[in-house]
């Protein structure tokens, strides 16, 4: 699974779930060498994605939502096992998107159920 293709699938699933996201409001960064990608949404949330091969040769994709510099505790891992449905994995991530509660006293974006960054 290509990182940008997966992020595109998540963005499509978010729109299908009723989130009003314009393509011009979404920013993506990718580092293919490090296997990392990030999609920033206009509400201040980012979806972080990491792909890598495990020691047994199996492909793994990890993803988590992040508000500001604080990552949520629920990191999801998807393994490429016998026909993994990546569109379904993208829909699962879109459905798990936290709502943004606003900014804390330091101006840091905070998601409901998420964590503030430690100073």
C-alpha atoms as a PDB file:
ATOM      1  CA  UNK A   1       0.000   0.000   0.000  1.00  0.00           C
ATOM      2  CA  UNK A   2       1.370   3.355  -1.020  1.00  0.00           C
ATOM      3  CA  UNK A   3       1.323   6.002   1.708  1.00  0.00           C
ATOM      4  CA  UNK A   4      -0.307   8.762  -0.334  1.00  0.00           C
ATOM      5  CA  UNK A   5      -2.882   6.353  -1.776  1.00  0.00           C
ATOM      6  CA  UNK A   6      -3.832   5.311   1.748  1.00  0.00           C
ATOM      7  CA  UNK A   7      -4.147   8.940   2.894  1.00  0.00           C
ATOM      8  CA  UNK A   8      -6.321   9.641  -0.140  1.00  0.00           C
ATOM      9  CA  UNK A   9      -8.561   6.706   0.814  1.00  0.00           C
ATOM     10  CA  UNK A  10      -8.911   8.064   4.362  1.00  0.00           C
ATOM     11  CA  UNK A  11      -9.746  11.532   3.033  1.00  0.00           C
ATOM     12  CA  UNK A  12     -12.384  10.047   0.699  1.00  0.00           C
ATOM     13  CA  UNK A  13     -13.872   8.079   3.624  1.00  0.00           C
ATOM     14  CA  UNK A  14     -14.001  11.244   5.757  1.00  0.00           C
ATOM     15  CA  UNK A  15     -15.980  13.016   3.026  1.00  0.00           C
ATOM     16  CA  UNK A  16     -18.298  10.006   2.712  1.00  0.00           C
ATOM     17  CA  UNK A  17     -18.909  10.215   6.482  1.00  0.00           C
ATOM     18  CA  UNK A  18     -20.095  13.809   6.087  1.00  0.00           C
ATOM     19  CA  UNK A  19     -16.972  15.754   7.008  1.00  0.00           C
ATOM     20  CA  UNK A  20     -16.839  18.960   4.982  1.00  0.00           C
ATOM     21  CA  UNK A  21     -13.228  18.888   3.803  1.00  0.00           C
ATOM     22  CA  UNK A  22     -12.122  20.710   0.686  1.00  0.00           C
ATOM     23  CA  UNK A  23      -9.081  19.231  -1.108  1.00  0.00           C
ATOM     24  CA  UNK A  24      -7.445  22.668  -1.001  1.00  0.00           C
ATOM     25  CA  UNK A  25      -7.654  22.616   2.823  1.00  0.00           C
ATOM     26  CA  UNK A  26      -5.752  19.348   3.211  1.00  0.00           C
ATOM     27  CA  UNK A  27      -1.970  19.251   3.400  1.00  0.00           C
ATOM     28  CA  UNK A  28       0.111  16.099   2.959  1.00  0.00           C
ATOM     29  CA  UNK A  29       3.762  15.381   3.570  1.00  0.00           C
ATOM     30  CA  UNK A  30       5.555  12.139   2.854  1.00  0.00           C
ATOM     31  CA  UNK A  31       9.065  10.777   3.388  1.00  0.00           C
ATOM     32  CA  UNK A  32       9.288   7.581   1.382  1.00  0.00           C
ATOM     33  CA  UNK A  33      12.767   6.807   2.693  1.00  0.00           C
ATOM     34  CA  UNK A  34      11.575   6.835   6.308  1.00  0.00           C
ATOM     35  CA  UNK A  35       8.185   5.300   5.475  1.00  0.00           C
ATOM     36  CA  UNK A  36       6.292   8.180   7.108  1.00  0.00           C
ATOM     37  CA  UNK A  37       3.383  10.294   5.920  1.00  0.00           C
ATOM     38  CA  UNK A  38       1.145  12.940   7.430  1.00  0.00           C
ATOM     39  CA  UNK A  39      -2.186  14.434   6.395  1.00  0.00           C
ATOM     40  CA  UNK A  40      -3.160  17.698   8.076  1.00  0.00           C
ATOM     41  CA  UNK A  41      -6.853  18.608   8.181  1.00  0.00           C
ATOM     42  CA  UNK A  42      -8.292  22.120   8.508  1.00  0.00           C
ATOM     43  CA  UNK A  43      -9.586  21.434  12.052  1.00  0.00           C
ATOM     44  CA  UNK A  44      -6.020  21.077  13.362  1.00  0.00           C
ATOM     45  CA  UNK A  45      -5.880  17.283  13.424  1.00  0.00           C
ATOM     46  CA  UNK A  46      -3.273  15.249  11.601  1.00  0.00           C
ATOM     47  CA  UNK A  47      -3.260  11.613  10.597  1.00  0.00           C
ATOM     48  CA  UNK A  48       0.192  10.097  10.964  1.00  0.00           C
ATOM     49  CA  UNK A  49       1.020   6.948   8.973  1.00  0.00           C
ATOM     50  CA  UNK A  50       4.103   4.738   9.104  1.00  0.00           C
ATOM     51  CA  UNK A  51       4.821   1.706   6.950  1.00  0.00           C
ATOM     52  CA  UNK A  52       7.559  -0.868   7.352  1.00  0.00           C
ATOM     53  CA  UNK A  53       8.460  -4.519   6.901  1.00  0.00           C
ATOM     54  CA  UNK A  54       8.611  -6.770   9.919  1.00  0.00           C
ATOM     55  CA  UNK A  55      11.455  -9.219  10.518  1.00  0.00           C
ATOM     56  CA  UNK A  56       9.411 -12.037   8.962  1.00  0.00           C
ATOM     57  CA  UNK A  57       8.955  -9.955   5.784  1.00  0.00           C
ATOM     58  CA  UNK A  58       5.334  -9.049   6.488  1.00  0.00           C
ATOM     59  CA  UNK A  59       4.233  -5.501   5.617  1.00  0.00           C
ATOM     60  CA  UNK A  60       2.722  -3.370   8.396  1.00  0.00           C
ATOM     61  CA  UNK A  61       1.055   0.030   8.323  1.00  0.00           C
ATOM     62  CA  UNK A  62       0.586   1.930  11.606  1.00  0.00           C
ATOM     63  CA  UNK A  63      -1.662   4.977  11.859  1.00  0.00           C
ATOM     64  CA  UNK A  64      -2.767   7.391  14.581  1.00  0.00           C
ATOM     65  CA  UNK A  65      -4.521  10.731  14.939  1.00  0.00           C
ATOM     66  CA  UNK A  66      -2.607  13.646  16.392  1.00  0.00           C
ATOM     67  CA  UNK A  67      -3.770  17.025  17.707  1.00  0.00           C
ATOM     68  CA  UNK A  68      -0.922  19.527  17.765  1.00  0.00           C
ATOM     69  CA  UNK A  69       2.136  17.726  19.098  1.00  0.00           C
ATOM     70  CA  UNK A  70       0.230  15.217  21.246  1.00  0.00           C
ATOM     71  CA  UNK A  71      -0.495  11.801  19.748  1.00  0.00           C
ATOM     72  CA  UNK A  72      -3.544   9.806  20.744  1.00  0.00           C
ATOM     73  CA  UNK A  73      -2.939   6.566  22.546  1.00  0.00           C
ATOM     74  CA  UNK A  74      -4.877   4.421  20.058  1.00  0.00           C
ATOM     75  CA  UNK A  75      -2.304   3.518  17.434  1.00  0.00           C
ATOM     76  CA  UNK A  76      -3.787   1.147  14.882  1.00  0.00           C
ATOM     77  CA  UNK A  77      -1.742  -1.438  13.025  1.00  0.00           C
ATOM     78  CA  UNK A  78      -2.805  -3.057   9.761  1.00  0.00           C
ATOM     79  CA  UNK A  79      -0.963  -6.074   8.370  1.00  0.00           C
ATOM     80  CA  UNK A  80      -0.857  -7.064   4.716  1.00  0.00           C
ATOM     81  CA  UNK A  81      -2.210 -10.568   5.133  1.00  0.00           C
ATOM     82  CA  UNK A  82      -3.914 -12.438   2.306  1.00  0.00           C
ATOM     83  CA  UNK A  83      -5.801  -9.704   0.532  1.00  0.00           C
ATOM     84  CA  UNK A  84      -6.050  -6.978   3.164  1.00  0.00           C
ATOM     85  CA  UNK A  85      -8.873  -4.575   2.291  1.00  0.00           C
ATOM     86  CA  UNK A  86      -7.063  -1.227   2.505  1.00  0.00           C
ATOM     87  CA  UNK A  87     -10.233   0.743   1.693  1.00  0.00           C
ATOM     88  CA  UNK A  88     -11.861  -0.850   4.736  1.00  0.00           C
ATOM     89  CA  UNK A  89      -8.825   0.026   6.862  1.00  0.00           C
ATOM     90  CA  UNK A  90      -9.105   3.632   5.637  1.00  0.00           C
ATOM     91  CA  UNK A  91     -12.811   3.701   6.544  1.00  0.00           C
ATOM     92  CA  UNK A  92     -11.977   2.410  10.046  1.00  0.00           C
ATOM     93  CA  UNK A  93      -9.484   5.231  10.544  1.00  0.00           C
ATOM     94  CA  UNK A  94     -11.928   7.823   9.223  1.00  0.00           C
ATOM     95  CA  UNK A  95     -14.585   6.539  11.629  1.00  0.00           C
ATOM     96  CA  UNK A  96     -12.125   6.825  14.544  1.00  0.00           C
ATOM     97  CA  UNK A  97     -11.341  10.500  13.837  1.00  0.00           C
ATOM     98  CA  UNK A  98     -11.696  12.428  17.100  1.00  0.00           C
ATOM     99  CA  UNK A  99     -13.536  15.731  17.224  1.00  0.00           C
ATOM    100  CA  UNK A 100     -11.476  18.789  18.023  1.00  0.00           C
ATOM    101  CA  UNK A 101     -12.368  20.308  21.387  1.00  0.00           C
ATOM    102  CA  UNK A 102     -10.505  23.545  20.702  1.00  0.00           C
ATOM    103  CA  UNK A 103      -7.269  25.072  21.876  1.00  0.00           C
ATOM    104  CA  UNK A 104      -5.797  24.848  25.367  1.00  0.00           C
ATOM    105  CA  UNK A 105      -4.325  27.807  27.276  1.00  0.00           C
ATOM    106  CA  UNK A 106      -1.098  27.611  25.248  1.00  0.00           C
ATOM    107  CA  UNK A 107      -2.957  27.687  21.933  1.00  0.00           C
ATOM    108  CA  UNK A 108      -2.309  23.975  21.354  1.00  0.00           C
ATOM    109  CA  UNK A 109      -5.121  22.130  19.552  1.00  0.00           C
ATOM    110  CA  UNK A 110      -6.688  19.420  21.733  1.00  0.00           C
ATOM    111  CA  UNK A 111      -8.897  16.582  20.514  1.00  0.00           C
ATOM    112  CA  UNK A 112     -11.648  15.076  22.650  1.00  0.00           C
ATOM    113  CA  UNK A 113     -10.189  11.975  24.235  1.00  0.00           C
ATOM    114  CA  UNK A 114      -6.705  12.953  23.080  1.00  0.00           C
ATOM    115  CA  UNK A 115      -3.696  14.079  25.016  1.00  0.00           C
ATOM    116  CA  UNK A 116      -2.089  17.470  25.451  1.00  0.00           C
ATOM    117  CA  UNK A 117       1.621  17.610  24.901  1.00  0.00           C
ATOM    118  CA  UNK A 118       3.843  17.755  27.970  1.00  0.00           C
ATOM    119  CA  UNK A 119       5.971  20.870  28.394  1.00  0.00           C
END
